[in-house]
């Protein structure tokens, strides 16, 4: 999670030709009215060949922006279920396409899933501004990538992709983005994993930024001083009833960036709404489960089992 830039706090940024001076452009209702079609998914070059899959650099369109990322395509004829993996906060200045989410994508690819990992706008080669207001424009990128799958499965990079609803996976900030995507286009996603997600309530995220990163209180006040109707409209927590996908939610009891109470509250709310979900909380686990630990091994196994059950 990161502090929003000043332009976001003042809601004066412009993204994809839309003036964000009206924060309600980022509400679930407004975003649900938009069309998302990333066009053909284009392979740029092969990045690596591993046992069981090939990783390629990809490009797609997101509202007129050229966005990049990677695709892990399993060996074999397919068709393979598609999972879109959404990375969490990383400084845009130091971000690289194959950063910490690679090990998770590779594991799923070895188990027969075609994994697409977008470099969210402003990261790596992707155009646009990083850290958009409420992270909502990141959901636009994710949905345009899913739109590419829906419109072009069986072609090019997606030659082995199975058409139909996909899976979503998101860590930290990416968990918030995943929730938004589930609410904006409920019928596009069948199953989703939230891993150490930040809050679904933008009020809590603003308060936590100050605690975690020592931001000036005035910055949080700018967010918290927005009208309640605006904060409700742009917070995923208020639109949970729209979700139709099954969810698998993970948190670490030692997580200081995404306090486990947030995951517990989300699970409670989803249960009250009758949404299908499974929730795991690991004692002692931090925000990112270190490779080789029992926490990480269990997470990989459970994630694979969940997606196999829901997507295959």
C-alpha atoms as a PDB file:
ATOM      1  CA  UNK A   1       0.000   0.000   0.000  1.00  0.00           C
ATOM      2  CA  UNK A   2       1.252   3.506  -0.673  1.00  0.00           C
ATOM      3  CA  UNK A   3       0.451   7.121  -0.022  1.00  0.00           C
ATOM      4  CA  UNK A   4      -1.662   8.612  -2.774  1.00  0.00           C
ATOM      5  CA  UNK A   5       0.092  11.402  -4.690  1.00  0.00           C
ATOM      6  CA  UNK A   6      -1.050  14.953  -4.051  1.00  0.00           C
ATOM      7  CA  UNK A   7      -3.004  15.136  -7.317  1.00  0.00           C
ATOM      8  CA  UNK A   8      -4.974  12.069  -6.229  1.00  0.00           C
ATOM      9  CA  UNK A   9      -5.681  13.535  -2.839  1.00  0.00           C
ATOM     10  CA  UNK A  10      -7.007  16.664  -4.480  1.00  0.00           C
ATOM     11  CA  UNK A  11      -8.799  14.532  -7.092  1.00  0.00           C
ATOM     12  CA  UNK A  12      -7.402  16.712  -9.855  1.00  0.00           C
ATOM     13  CA  UNK A  13      -5.654  14.037 -11.958  1.00  0.00           C
ATOM     14  CA  UNK A  14      -6.676  13.193 -15.510  1.00  0.00           C
ATOM     15  CA  UNK A  15      -6.652   9.579 -16.713  1.00  0.00           C
ATOM     16  CA  UNK A  16      -7.574   8.260 -20.170  1.00  0.00           C
ATOM     17  CA  UNK A  17      -9.138  11.556 -21.105  1.00  0.00           C
ATOM     18  CA  UNK A  18     -11.466  11.629 -18.091  1.00  0.00           C
ATOM     19  CA  UNK A  19     -11.194  14.487 -15.653  1.00  0.00           C
ATOM     20  CA  UNK A  20     -10.887  13.029 -12.178  1.00  0.00           C
ATOM     21  CA  UNK A  21     -11.941  16.341 -10.634  1.00  0.00           C
ATOM     22  CA  UNK A  22     -15.226  14.470 -10.193  1.00  0.00           C
ATOM     23  CA  UNK A  23     -14.214  11.526  -7.987  1.00  0.00           C
ATOM     24  CA  UNK A  24     -17.468   9.759  -8.772  1.00  0.00           C
ATOM     25  CA  UNK A  25     -16.041   8.785 -12.181  1.00  0.00           C
ATOM     26  CA  UNK A  26     -14.281   6.081 -10.144  1.00  0.00           C
ATOM     27  CA  UNK A  27     -17.457   4.753  -8.546  1.00  0.00           C
ATOM     28  CA  UNK A  28     -18.499   1.177  -9.221  1.00  0.00           C
ATOM     29  CA  UNK A  29     -21.689   2.343 -10.896  1.00  0.00           C
ATOM     30  CA  UNK A  30     -19.865   4.631 -13.339  1.00  0.00           C
ATOM     31  CA  UNK A  31     -17.144   2.112 -14.139  1.00  0.00           C
ATOM     32  CA  UNK A  32     -19.744  -0.604 -14.732  1.00  0.00           C
ATOM     33  CA  UNK A  33     -21.182   1.508 -17.558  1.00  0.00           C
ATOM     34  CA  UNK A  34     -17.920   1.515 -19.511  1.00  0.00           C
ATOM     35  CA  UNK A  35     -16.834  -0.877 -22.250  1.00  0.00           C
ATOM     36  CA  UNK A  36     -13.646  -2.891 -21.776  1.00  0.00           C
ATOM     37  CA  UNK A  37     -11.969  -4.396 -24.826  1.00  0.00           C
ATOM     38  CA  UNK A  38      -8.201  -4.591 -24.754  1.00  0.00           C
ATOM     39  CA  UNK A  39      -8.076  -5.751 -28.354  1.00  0.00           C
ATOM     40  CA  UNK A  40      -5.727  -8.501 -29.553  1.00  0.00           C
ATOM     41  CA  UNK A  41      -3.093  -9.577 -27.050  1.00  0.00           C
ATOM     42  CA  UNK A  42       0.237  -9.090 -28.803  1.00  0.00           C
ATOM     43  CA  UNK A  43       3.414 -11.052 -28.061  1.00  0.00           C
ATOM     44  CA  UNK A  44       6.521  -8.866 -28.006  1.00  0.00           C
ATOM     45  CA  UNK A  45       9.166 -11.512 -27.378  1.00  0.00           C
ATOM     46  CA  UNK A  46       9.872 -14.678 -25.410  1.00  0.00           C
ATOM     47  CA  UNK A  47      11.298 -13.857 -21.985  1.00  0.00           C
ATOM     48  CA  UNK A  48      12.139 -17.379 -20.838  1.00  0.00           C
ATOM     49  CA  UNK A  49      11.397 -21.074 -21.329  1.00  0.00           C
ATOM     50  CA  UNK A  50      10.972 -23.204 -18.234  1.00  0.00           C
ATOM     51  CA  UNK A  51       9.906 -26.719 -17.434  1.00  0.00           C
ATOM     52  CA  UNK A  52       6.204 -26.799 -18.225  1.00  0.00           C
ATOM     53  CA  UNK A  53       5.621 -23.311 -19.649  1.00  0.00           C
ATOM     54  CA  UNK A  54       6.935 -20.386 -21.714  1.00  0.00           C
ATOM     55  CA  UNK A  55       6.938 -16.777 -20.490  1.00  0.00           C
ATOM     56  CA  UNK A  56       6.450 -14.001 -23.055  1.00  0.00           C
ATOM     57  CA  UNK A  57       6.295 -10.218 -22.888  1.00  0.00           C
ATOM     58  CA  UNK A  58       2.806  -9.076 -23.973  1.00  0.00           C
ATOM     59  CA  UNK A  59       1.074  -5.833 -24.918  1.00  0.00           C
ATOM     60  CA  UNK A  60      -2.607  -4.846 -24.869  1.00  0.00           C
ATOM     61  CA  UNK A  61      -4.708  -1.700 -25.094  1.00  0.00           C
ATOM     62  CA  UNK A  62      -6.349  -0.075 -22.073  1.00  0.00           C
ATOM     63  CA  UNK A  63      -8.441   2.909 -23.049  1.00  0.00           C
ATOM     64  CA  UNK A  64      -5.882   4.102 -25.578  1.00  0.00           C
ATOM     65  CA  UNK A  65      -2.847   3.334 -23.422  1.00  0.00           C
ATOM     66  CA  UNK A  66      -0.288   0.710 -24.410  1.00  0.00           C
ATOM     67  CA  UNK A  67       0.025  -1.626 -21.426  1.00  0.00           C
ATOM     68  CA  UNK A  68       2.514  -4.445 -21.037  1.00  0.00           C
ATOM     69  CA  UNK A  69       3.029  -7.501 -18.866  1.00  0.00           C
ATOM     70  CA  UNK A  70       3.863 -11.163 -19.212  1.00  0.00           C
ATOM     71  CA  UNK A  71       2.042 -14.353 -20.122  1.00  0.00           C
ATOM     72  CA  UNK A  72       2.949 -17.781 -18.740  1.00  0.00           C
ATOM     73  CA  UNK A  73       1.611 -20.273 -21.307  1.00  0.00           C
ATOM     74  CA  UNK A  74       1.697 -23.960 -20.304  1.00  0.00           C
ATOM     75  CA  UNK A  75       3.131 -26.600 -22.588  1.00  0.00           C
ATOM     76  CA  UNK A  76       0.594 -28.885 -24.209  1.00  0.00           C
ATOM     77  CA  UNK A  77      -2.414 -28.373 -26.466  1.00  0.00           C
ATOM     78  CA  UNK A  78      -4.816 -26.690 -24.038  1.00  0.00           C
ATOM     79  CA  UNK A  79      -7.240 -25.058 -23.848  1.00  0.00           C
ATOM     80  CA  UNK A  80      -6.201 -23.806 -20.429  1.00  0.00           C
ATOM     81  CA  UNK A  81      -8.225 -21.753 -17.934  1.00  0.00           C
ATOM     82  CA  UNK A  82      -6.954 -18.168 -17.693  1.00  0.00           C
ATOM     83  CA  UNK A  83      -5.905 -16.441 -14.470  1.00  0.00           C
ATOM     84  CA  UNK A  84      -5.094 -12.722 -14.381  1.00  0.00           C
ATOM     85  CA  UNK A  85      -2.573 -11.940 -11.647  1.00  0.00           C
ATOM     86  CA  UNK A  86      -2.504  -8.390 -10.218  1.00  0.00           C
ATOM     87  CA  UNK A  87       0.638  -7.171  -8.494  1.00  0.00           C
ATOM     88  CA  UNK A  88       0.658  -5.070  -5.351  1.00  0.00           C
ATOM     89  CA  UNK A  89       2.396  -1.787  -4.650  1.00  0.00           C
ATOM     90  CA  UNK A  90       5.927  -1.457  -5.932  1.00  0.00           C
ATOM     91  CA  UNK A  91       7.652   1.858  -6.571  1.00  0.00           C
ATOM     92  CA  UNK A  92       7.068   2.650 -10.231  1.00  0.00           C
ATOM     93  CA  UNK A  93      10.652   3.919 -10.424  1.00  0.00           C
ATOM     94  CA  UNK A  94      12.115   0.524  -9.553  1.00  0.00           C
ATOM     95  CA  UNK A  95       9.387  -1.815 -10.835  1.00  0.00           C
ATOM     96  CA  UNK A  96      10.342  -4.652 -13.163  1.00  0.00           C
ATOM     97  CA  UNK A  97       7.950  -6.921 -15.068  1.00  0.00           C
ATOM     98  CA  UNK A  98       9.238 -10.095 -13.448  1.00  0.00           C
ATOM     99  CA  UNK A  99       9.146  -9.017  -9.804  1.00  0.00           C
ATOM    100  CA  UNK A 100       7.756 -10.809  -6.766  1.00  0.00           C
ATOM    101  CA  UNK A 101       4.565 -12.188  -8.346  1.00  0.00           C
ATOM    102  CA  UNK A 102       6.528 -14.295 -10.838  1.00  0.00           C
ATOM    103  CA  UNK A 103       6.924 -17.270  -8.516  1.00  0.00           C
ATOM    104  CA  UNK A 104       3.166 -17.429  -7.967  1.00  0.00           C
ATOM    105  CA  UNK A 105       2.399 -17.162 -11.687  1.00  0.00           C
ATOM    106  CA  UNK A 106       4.948 -19.839 -12.540  1.00  0.00           C
ATOM    107  CA  UNK A 107       3.493 -22.270 -10.014  1.00  0.00           C
ATOM    108  CA  UNK A 108       0.005 -21.886 -11.464  1.00  0.00           C
ATOM    109  CA  UNK A 109       1.322 -22.262 -15.025  1.00  0.00           C
ATOM    110  CA  UNK A 110       2.985 -25.544 -14.071  1.00  0.00           C
ATOM    111  CA  UNK A 111      -0.428 -26.733 -12.879  1.00  0.00           C
ATOM    112  CA  UNK A 112      -2.097 -26.033 -16.205  1.00  0.00           C
ATOM    113  CA  UNK A 113      -3.288 -22.423 -15.985  1.00  0.00           C
ATOM    114  CA  UNK A 114      -2.514 -19.732 -18.554  1.00  0.00           C
ATOM    115  CA  UNK A 115      -1.444 -16.795 -16.406  1.00  0.00           C
ATOM    116  CA  UNK A 116      -1.557 -13.161 -17.558  1.00  0.00           C
ATOM    117  CA  UNK A 117       0.269 -10.592 -15.432  1.00  0.00           C
ATOM    118  CA  UNK A 118      -0.279  -6.942 -16.416  1.00  0.00           C
ATOM    119  CA  UNK A 119       2.214  -4.239 -15.537  1.00  0.00           C
ATOM    120  CA  UNK A 120      -0.346  -1.795 -14.182  1.00  0.00           C
ATOM    121  CA  UNK A 121      -0.299   1.660 -15.753  1.00  0.00           C
ATOM    122  CA  UNK A 122       2.795   3.693 -14.981  1.00  0.00           C
ATOM    123  CA  UNK A 123       4.826   0.557 -14.203  1.00  0.00           C
ATOM    124  CA  UNK A 124       7.569  -0.822 -16.423  1.00  0.00           C
ATOM    125  CA  UNK A 125       6.779  -0.093 -20.061  1.00  0.00           C
ATOM    126  CA  UNK A 126       3.071   0.524 -19.422  1.00  0.00           C
ATOM    127  CA  UNK A 127       1.792   3.993 -20.234  1.00  0.00           C
ATOM    128  CA  UNK A 128      -0.267   6.153 -17.900  1.00  0.00           C
ATOM    129  CA  UNK A 129       0.074   7.466 -14.369  1.00  0.00           C
ATOM    130  CA  UNK A 130       0.916   5.143 -11.504  1.00  0.00           C
ATOM    131  CA  UNK A 131      -0.992   5.333  -8.208  1.00  0.00           C
ATOM    132  CA  UNK A 132      -4.297   6.633  -9.660  1.00  0.00           C
ATOM    133  CA  UNK A 133      -7.090   7.900  -7.383  1.00  0.00           C
ATOM    134  CA  UNK A 134      -8.389   5.031  -5.226  1.00  0.00           C
ATOM    135  CA  UNK A 135      -6.412   2.633  -7.504  1.00  0.00           C
ATOM    136  CA  UNK A 136      -9.592   2.486  -9.597  1.00  0.00           C
ATOM    137  CA  UNK A 137      -7.894   3.008 -12.965  1.00  0.00           C
ATOM    138  CA  UNK A 138      -5.891  -0.153 -12.298  1.00  0.00           C
ATOM    139  CA  UNK A 139      -9.190  -2.055 -12.432  1.00  0.00           C
ATOM    140  CA  UNK A 140      -9.729  -0.505 -15.873  1.00  0.00           C
ATOM    141  CA  UNK A 141      -6.432  -2.070 -16.982  1.00  0.00           C
ATOM    142  CA  UNK A 142      -7.372  -5.463 -15.535  1.00  0.00           C
ATOM    143  CA  UNK A 143     -10.806  -5.424 -17.153  1.00  0.00           C
ATOM    144  CA  UNK A 144      -9.397  -4.432 -20.534  1.00  0.00           C
ATOM    145  CA  UNK A 145      -7.007  -7.384 -20.291  1.00  0.00           C
ATOM    146  CA  UNK A 146      -9.917  -9.693 -19.473  1.00  0.00           C
ATOM    147  CA  UNK A 147     -11.731  -8.112 -22.412  1.00  0.00           C
ATOM    148  CA  UNK A 148      -8.841  -9.245 -24.608  1.00  0.00           C
ATOM    149  CA  UNK A 149      -9.329 -12.806 -23.378  1.00  0.00           C
ATOM    150  CA  UNK A 150     -13.069 -12.667 -23.976  1.00  0.00           C
ATOM    151  CA  UNK A 151     -12.686 -11.331 -27.496  1.00  0.00           C
ATOM    152  CA  UNK A 152      -9.566 -13.126 -28.678  1.00  0.00           C
ATOM    153  CA  UNK A 153      -9.265 -16.492 -26.894  1.00  0.00           C
ATOM    154  CA  UNK A 154      -7.920 -19.019 -29.370  1.00  0.00           C
ATOM    155  CA  UNK A 155      -5.826 -16.445 -31.236  1.00  0.00           C
ATOM    156  CA  UNK A 156      -2.152 -15.482 -31.071  1.00  0.00           C
ATOM    157  CA  UNK A 157      -0.796 -15.426 -27.502  1.00  0.00           C
ATOM    158  CA  UNK A 158      -4.206 -16.689 -26.424  1.00  0.00           C
ATOM    159  CA  UNK A 159      -4.244 -19.649 -28.836  1.00  0.00           C
ATOM    160  CA  UNK A 160      -4.350 -22.037 -25.868  1.00  0.00           C
ATOM    161  CA  UNK A 161      -6.700 -19.913 -23.737  1.00  0.00           C
ATOM    162  CA  UNK A 162     -10.081 -21.296 -22.772  1.00  0.00           C
ATOM    163  CA  UNK A 163     -12.869 -18.805 -23.484  1.00  0.00           C
ATOM    164  CA  UNK A 164     -15.297 -17.915 -20.742  1.00  0.00           C
ATOM    165  CA  UNK A 165     -14.983 -16.570 -17.190  1.00  0.00           C
ATOM    166  CA  UNK A 166     -11.448 -16.237 -15.847  1.00  0.00           C
ATOM    167  CA  UNK A 167      -9.784 -16.336 -12.453  1.00  0.00           C
ATOM    168  CA  UNK A 168      -8.297 -13.322 -10.672  1.00  0.00           C
ATOM    169  CA  UNK A 169      -5.442 -13.170  -8.144  1.00  0.00           C
ATOM    170  CA  UNK A 170      -4.349 -10.035  -6.299  1.00  0.00           C
ATOM    171  CA  UNK A 171      -1.789  -9.209  -3.618  1.00  0.00           C
ATOM    172  CA  UNK A 172      -1.942  -6.143  -1.339  1.00  0.00           C
ATOM    173  CA  UNK A 173      -3.117  -3.191  -3.477  1.00  0.00           C
ATOM    174  CA  UNK A 174      -3.912  -5.779  -6.127  1.00  0.00           C
ATOM    175  CA  UNK A 175      -6.498  -7.320  -3.809  1.00  0.00           C
ATOM    176  CA  UNK A 176      -8.397  -4.030  -3.764  1.00  0.00           C
ATOM    177  CA  UNK A 177      -8.168  -3.893  -7.569  1.00  0.00           C
ATOM    178  CA  UNK A 178      -9.496  -7.445  -7.826  1.00  0.00           C
ATOM    179  CA  UNK A 179     -12.512  -6.617  -5.652  1.00  0.00           C
ATOM    180  CA  UNK A 180     -13.333  -3.618  -7.839  1.00  0.00           C
ATOM    181  CA  UNK A 181     -13.068  -5.748 -10.961  1.00  0.00           C
ATOM    182  CA  UNK A 182     -15.412  -8.380  -9.502  1.00  0.00           C
ATOM    183  CA  UNK A 183     -17.997  -5.690  -8.775  1.00  0.00           C
ATOM    184  CA  UNK A 184     -17.718  -3.874 -12.103  1.00  0.00           C
ATOM    185  CA  UNK A 185     -18.071  -6.980 -14.303  1.00  0.00           C
ATOM    186  CA  UNK A 186     -19.437  -9.773 -12.066  1.00  0.00           C
ATOM    187  CA  UNK A 187     -20.037 -12.262 -14.881  1.00  0.00           C
ATOM    188  CA  UNK A 188     -16.485 -12.023 -16.245  1.00  0.00           C
ATOM    189  CA  UNK A 189     -14.786 -13.738 -13.291  1.00  0.00           C
ATOM    190  CA  UNK A 190     -15.597 -17.100 -11.748  1.00  0.00           C
ATOM    191  CA  UNK A 191     -13.034 -17.297  -8.930  1.00  0.00           C
ATOM    192  CA  UNK A 192     -10.656 -14.897  -7.186  1.00  0.00           C
ATOM    193  CA  UNK A 193      -7.834 -15.034  -4.647  1.00  0.00           C
ATOM    194  CA  UNK A 194      -7.133 -12.112  -2.310  1.00  0.00           C
ATOM    195  CA  UNK A 195      -3.670 -12.323  -0.745  1.00  0.00           C
ATOM    196  CA  UNK A 196      -2.824  -9.893   2.085  1.00  0.00           C
ATOM    197  CA  UNK A 197      -5.220  -7.401   0.526  1.00  0.00           C
ATOM    198  CA  UNK A 198      -5.531  -3.817   1.623  1.00  0.00           C
ATOM    199  CA  UNK A 199      -8.937  -2.713   2.851  1.00  0.00           C
ATOM    200  CA  UNK A 200     -12.103  -2.597   0.794  1.00  0.00           C
ATOM    201  CA  UNK A 201     -12.901   0.666   2.642  1.00  0.00           C
ATOM    202  CA  UNK A 202     -10.944   3.706   1.419  1.00  0.00           C
ATOM    203  CA  UNK A 203     -11.244   5.336   4.835  1.00  0.00           C
ATOM    204  CA  UNK A 204      -9.234   2.531   6.404  1.00  0.00           C
ATOM    205  CA  UNK A 205      -6.608   2.665   3.668  1.00  0.00           C
ATOM    206  CA  UNK A 206      -6.083   6.389   4.229  1.00  0.00           C
ATOM    207  CA  UNK A 207      -5.639   5.909   7.961  1.00  0.00           C
ATOM    208  CA  UNK A 208      -3.274   2.979   7.479  1.00  0.00           C
ATOM    209  CA  UNK A 209      -1.051   4.919   5.071  1.00  0.00           C
ATOM    210  CA  UNK A 210      -0.289   7.379   7.847  1.00  0.00           C
ATOM    211  CA  UNK A 211       0.518   4.575  10.295  1.00  0.00           C
ATOM    212  CA  UNK A 212       2.665   2.537   7.901  1.00  0.00           C
ATOM    213  CA  UNK A 213       4.470   5.247   5.984  1.00  0.00           C
ATOM    214  CA  UNK A 214       4.509   8.226   8.312  1.00  0.00           C
ATOM    215  CA  UNK A 215       2.563  10.444   5.975  1.00  0.00           C
ATOM    216  CA  UNK A 216       1.541  13.895   7.052  1.00  0.00           C
ATOM    217  CA  UNK A 217      -1.853  13.852   8.796  1.00  0.00           C
ATOM    218  CA  UNK A 218      -3.082  16.563   6.420  1.00  0.00           C
ATOM    219  CA  UNK A 219      -2.903  14.088   3.522  1.00  0.00           C
ATOM    220  CA  UNK A 220      -5.171  11.624   5.263  1.00  0.00           C
ATOM    221  CA  UNK A 221      -7.510  14.440   6.240  1.00  0.00           C
ATOM    222  CA  UNK A 222      -7.911  15.377   2.573  1.00  0.00           C
ATOM    223  CA  UNK A 223      -9.174  11.886   1.827  1.00  0.00           C
ATOM    224  CA  UNK A 224     -11.238  11.558   4.971  1.00  0.00           C
ATOM    225  CA  UNK A 225     -12.778  15.000   4.494  1.00  0.00           C
ATOM    226  CA  UNK A 226     -14.440  13.911   1.243  1.00  0.00           C
ATOM    227  CA  UNK A 227     -18.215  13.534   1.563  1.00  0.00           C
ATOM    228  CA  UNK A 228     -19.357  10.197   2.931  1.00  0.00           C
ATOM    229  CA  UNK A 229     -21.406   9.636  -0.214  1.00  0.00           C
ATOM    230  CA  UNK A 230     -18.233   9.894  -2.316  1.00  0.00           C
ATOM    231  CA  UNK A 231     -16.175   7.593  -0.115  1.00  0.00           C
ATOM    232  CA  UNK A 232     -19.012   5.066  -0.120  1.00  0.00           C
ATOM    233  CA  UNK A 233     -19.342   5.232  -3.896  1.00  0.00           C
ATOM    234  CA  UNK A 234     -15.632   4.646  -4.547  1.00  0.00           C
ATOM    235  CA  UNK A 235     -15.087   1.992  -1.843  1.00  0.00           C
ATOM    236  CA  UNK A 236     -15.480  -1.660  -2.893  1.00  0.00           C
ATOM    237  CA  UNK A 237     -16.931  -2.474   0.528  1.00  0.00           C
ATOM    238  CA  UNK A 238     -20.239  -0.850  -0.404  1.00  0.00           C
ATOM    239  CA  UNK A 239     -20.745  -2.945  -3.564  1.00  0.00           C
ATOM    240  CA  UNK A 240     -19.907  -6.433  -2.277  1.00  0.00           C
ATOM    241  CA  UNK A 241     -23.437  -7.594  -3.075  1.00  0.00           C
ATOM    242  CA  UNK A 242     -22.565  -7.392  -6.799  1.00  0.00           C
ATOM    243  CA  UNK A 243     -19.933 -10.126  -6.532  1.00  0.00           C
ATOM    244  CA  UNK A 244     -20.823 -13.541  -7.961  1.00  0.00           C
ATOM    245  CA  UNK A 245     -17.347 -15.146  -8.027  1.00  0.00           C
ATOM    246  CA  UNK A 246     -16.106 -17.551  -5.366  1.00  0.00           C
ATOM    247  CA  UNK A 247     -13.361 -16.040  -3.222  1.00  0.00           C
ATOM    248  CA  UNK A 248     -10.361 -17.460  -1.383  1.00  0.00           C
ATOM    249  CA  UNK A 249      -8.952 -14.943   1.116  1.00  0.00           C
ATOM    250  CA  UNK A 250      -5.565 -15.066   2.864  1.00  0.00           C
ATOM    251  CA  UNK A 251      -4.023 -12.925   5.586  1.00  0.00           C
ATOM    252  CA  UNK A 252      -1.029 -13.060   7.903  1.00  0.00           C
ATOM    253  CA  UNK A 253      -1.401 -12.358  11.600  1.00  0.00           C
ATOM    254  CA  UNK A 254       1.877 -10.383  11.561  1.00  0.00           C
ATOM    255  CA  UNK A 255       0.886  -8.250   8.563  1.00  0.00           C
ATOM    256  CA  UNK A 256       1.369  -4.560   9.383  1.00  0.00           C
ATOM    257  CA  UNK A 257       0.415  -3.226   5.937  1.00  0.00           C
ATOM    258  CA  UNK A 258      -2.839  -5.128   5.517  1.00  0.00           C
ATOM    259  CA  UNK A 259      -3.987  -5.774   9.094  1.00  0.00           C
ATOM    260  CA  UNK A 260      -5.646  -9.213   9.365  1.00  0.00           C
ATOM    261  CA  UNK A 261      -8.732  -7.638  10.905  1.00  0.00           C
ATOM    262  CA  UNK A 262      -9.527  -6.268   7.451  1.00  0.00           C
ATOM    263  CA  UNK A 263      -9.636  -9.757   5.929  1.00  0.00           C
ATOM    264  CA  UNK A 264     -11.713 -11.023   8.852  1.00  0.00           C
ATOM    265  CA  UNK A 265     -14.208  -8.188   8.400  1.00  0.00           C
ATOM    266  CA  UNK A 266     -14.405  -8.795   4.653  1.00  0.00           C
ATOM    267  CA  UNK A 267     -15.055 -12.505   5.225  1.00  0.00           C
ATOM    268  CA  UNK A 268     -17.773 -11.652   7.737  1.00  0.00           C
ATOM    269  CA  UNK A 269     -19.479  -9.237   5.344  1.00  0.00           C
ATOM    270  CA  UNK A 270     -19.320 -11.688   2.454  1.00  0.00           C
ATOM    271  CA  UNK A 271     -20.754 -14.416   4.673  1.00  0.00           C
ATOM    272  CA  UNK A 272     -23.626 -12.181   5.700  1.00  0.00           C
ATOM    273  CA  UNK A 273     -24.359 -11.611   2.014  1.00  0.00           C
ATOM    274  CA  UNK A 274     -24.272 -15.346   1.318  1.00  0.00           C
ATOM    275  CA  UNK A 275     -21.209 -15.127  -0.924  1.00  0.00           C
ATOM    276  CA  UNK A 276     -19.072 -18.240  -1.369  1.00  0.00           C
ATOM    277  CA  UNK A 277     -15.700 -17.737   0.294  1.00  0.00           C
ATOM    278  CA  UNK A 278     -12.942 -19.529   2.137  1.00  0.00           C
ATOM    279  CA  UNK A 279     -10.753 -17.612   4.570  1.00  0.00           C
ATOM    280  CA  UNK A 280      -7.299 -18.466   5.931  1.00  0.00           C
ATOM    281  CA  UNK A 281      -5.269 -16.538   8.494  1.00  0.00           C
ATOM    282  CA  UNK A 282      -1.697 -17.664   9.166  1.00  0.00           C
ATOM    283  CA  UNK A 283      -0.216 -17.031  12.652  1.00  0.00           C
ATOM    284  CA  UNK A 284       3.091 -15.167  12.428  1.00  0.00           C
ATOM    285  CA  UNK A 285       2.889 -14.577   8.671  1.00  0.00           C
ATOM    286  CA  UNK A 286       3.925 -11.149   7.260  1.00  0.00           C
ATOM    287  CA  UNK A 287       2.499  -9.167   4.345  1.00  0.00           C
ATOM    288  CA  UNK A 288       4.370 -11.245   1.750  1.00  0.00           C
ATOM    289  CA  UNK A 289       4.903 -14.904   2.630  1.00  0.00           C
ATOM    290  CA  UNK A 290       8.647 -15.664   2.166  1.00  0.00           C
ATOM    291  CA  UNK A 291       9.551 -18.353  -0.371  1.00  0.00           C
ATOM    292  CA  UNK A 292      10.258 -21.711   1.209  1.00  0.00           C
ATOM    293  CA  UNK A 293       8.223 -21.105   4.363  1.00  0.00           C
ATOM    294  CA  UNK A 294       5.313 -23.246   5.488  1.00  0.00           C
ATOM    295  CA  UNK A 295       3.055 -20.210   5.013  1.00  0.00           C
ATOM    296  CA  UNK A 296       4.049 -19.912   1.352  1.00  0.00           C
ATOM    297  CA  UNK A 297       3.884 -23.659   0.675  1.00  0.00           C
ATOM    298  CA  UNK A 298       0.371 -23.886   2.108  1.00  0.00           C
ATOM    299  CA  UNK A 299      -0.714 -20.792   0.205  1.00  0.00           C
ATOM    300  CA  UNK A 300       0.500 -22.186  -3.129  1.00  0.00           C
ATOM    301  CA  UNK A 301      -1.171 -25.555  -2.526  1.00  0.00           C
ATOM    302  CA  UNK A 302      -4.468 -24.039  -1.425  1.00  0.00           C
ATOM    303  CA  UNK A 303      -4.510 -21.543  -4.283  1.00  0.00           C
ATOM    304  CA  UNK A 304      -3.906 -24.252  -6.852  1.00  0.00           C
ATOM    305  CA  UNK A 305      -6.592 -26.488  -5.327  1.00  0.00           C
ATOM    306  CA  UNK A 306      -9.061 -23.580  -5.258  1.00  0.00           C
ATOM    307  CA  UNK A 307      -8.570 -22.634  -8.910  1.00  0.00           C
ATOM    308  CA  UNK A 308      -8.675 -26.266 -10.024  1.00  0.00           C
ATOM    309  CA  UNK A 309     -11.961 -26.731  -8.209  1.00  0.00           C
ATOM    310  CA  UNK A 310     -13.527 -23.519  -9.487  1.00  0.00           C
ATOM    311  CA  UNK A 311     -12.085 -23.185 -12.999  1.00  0.00           C
ATOM    312  CA  UNK A 312     -11.437 -26.751 -14.139  1.00  0.00           C
END
